[in-house]
């Protein structure tokens, strides 16, 4: 299992990538949105 810092770094990276102007293809945006949501759930579950 990855440590919290690594998961947070990946989450922040994906958030920045998703906000990027280069991320304009809807399928790619959707994939990153789902991945970002999953990482958020992992972070929430570990802190419950």
C-alpha atoms as a PDB file:
ATOM      1  CA  UNK A   1       0.000   0.000   0.000  1.00  0.00           C
ATOM      2  CA  UNK A   2       1.229   3.459  -0.810  1.00  0.00           C
ATOM      3  CA  UNK A   3       1.882   5.942   1.932  1.00  0.00           C
ATOM      4  CA  UNK A   4      -0.316   8.998   2.355  1.00  0.00           C
ATOM      5  CA  UNK A   5       2.282  11.438   1.031  1.00  0.00           C
ATOM      6  CA  UNK A   6       2.616   9.524  -2.249  1.00  0.00           C
ATOM      7  CA  UNK A   7      -1.165   9.338  -2.695  1.00  0.00           C
ATOM      8  CA  UNK A   8      -1.503  13.065  -1.974  1.00  0.00           C
ATOM      9  CA  UNK A   9       1.229  13.888  -4.516  1.00  0.00           C
ATOM     10  CA  UNK A  10      -0.559  11.843  -7.174  1.00  0.00           C
ATOM     11  CA  UNK A  11      -3.882  13.493  -6.308  1.00  0.00           C
ATOM     12  CA  UNK A  12      -2.390  16.986  -6.590  1.00  0.00           C
ATOM     13  CA  UNK A  13      -0.661  16.081  -9.877  1.00  0.00           C
ATOM     14  CA  UNK A  14      -3.925  14.807 -11.347  1.00  0.00           C
ATOM     15  CA  UNK A  15      -5.836  17.876 -10.159  1.00  0.00           C
ATOM     16  CA  UNK A  16      -3.306  20.118 -11.913  1.00  0.00           C
ATOM     17  CA  UNK A  17      -3.380  17.980 -15.070  1.00  0.00           C
ATOM     18  CA  UNK A  18      -7.177  18.000 -15.147  1.00  0.00           C
ATOM     19  CA  UNK A  19      -7.215  21.805 -14.871  1.00  0.00           C
ATOM     20  CA  UNK A  20      -4.655  22.148 -17.678  1.00  0.00           C
ATOM     21  CA  UNK A  21      -5.780  23.658 -20.970  1.00  0.00           C
ATOM     22  CA  UNK A  22      -4.169  20.706 -22.772  1.00  0.00           C
ATOM     23  CA  UNK A  23      -6.692  18.327 -21.160  1.00  0.00           C
ATOM     24  CA  UNK A  24      -9.509  19.068 -23.555  1.00  0.00           C
ATOM     25  CA  UNK A  25     -10.442  15.592 -24.800  1.00  0.00           C
ATOM     26  CA  UNK A  26     -13.597  14.521 -22.934  1.00  0.00           C
ATOM     27  CA  UNK A  27     -12.609  10.841 -22.590  1.00  0.00           C
ATOM     28  CA  UNK A  28      -9.265  11.714 -21.023  1.00  0.00           C
ATOM     29  CA  UNK A  29     -10.909  14.263 -18.713  1.00  0.00           C
ATOM     30  CA  UNK A  30     -13.449  11.669 -17.609  1.00  0.00           C
ATOM     31  CA  UNK A  31     -10.716   9.094 -16.904  1.00  0.00           C
ATOM     32  CA  UNK A  32      -8.737  11.548 -14.771  1.00  0.00           C
ATOM     33  CA  UNK A  33     -11.894  12.628 -12.946  1.00  0.00           C
ATOM     34  CA  UNK A  34     -12.679   9.033 -11.966  1.00  0.00           C
ATOM     35  CA  UNK A  35      -9.086   8.361 -10.917  1.00  0.00           C
ATOM     36  CA  UNK A  36      -9.015  11.562  -8.886  1.00  0.00           C
ATOM     37  CA  UNK A  37     -12.284  10.607  -7.176  1.00  0.00           C
ATOM     38  CA  UNK A  38     -10.909   7.149  -6.319  1.00  0.00           C
ATOM     39  CA  UNK A  39      -7.785   8.663  -4.758  1.00  0.00           C
ATOM     40  CA  UNK A  40     -10.001  10.986  -2.711  1.00  0.00           C
ATOM     41  CA  UNK A  41     -11.961   8.001  -1.409  1.00  0.00           C
ATOM     42  CA  UNK A  42      -8.742   6.239  -0.408  1.00  0.00           C
ATOM     43  CA  UNK A  43      -7.616   9.292   1.537  1.00  0.00           C
ATOM     44  CA  UNK A  44     -10.993   9.612   3.262  1.00  0.00           C
ATOM     45  CA  UNK A  45     -11.158   5.938   4.223  1.00  0.00           C
ATOM     46  CA  UNK A  46      -7.680   5.978   5.749  1.00  0.00           C
ATOM     47  CA  UNK A  47      -8.615   8.908   8.005  1.00  0.00           C
ATOM     48  CA  UNK A  48     -11.898   7.455   9.307  1.00  0.00           C
END
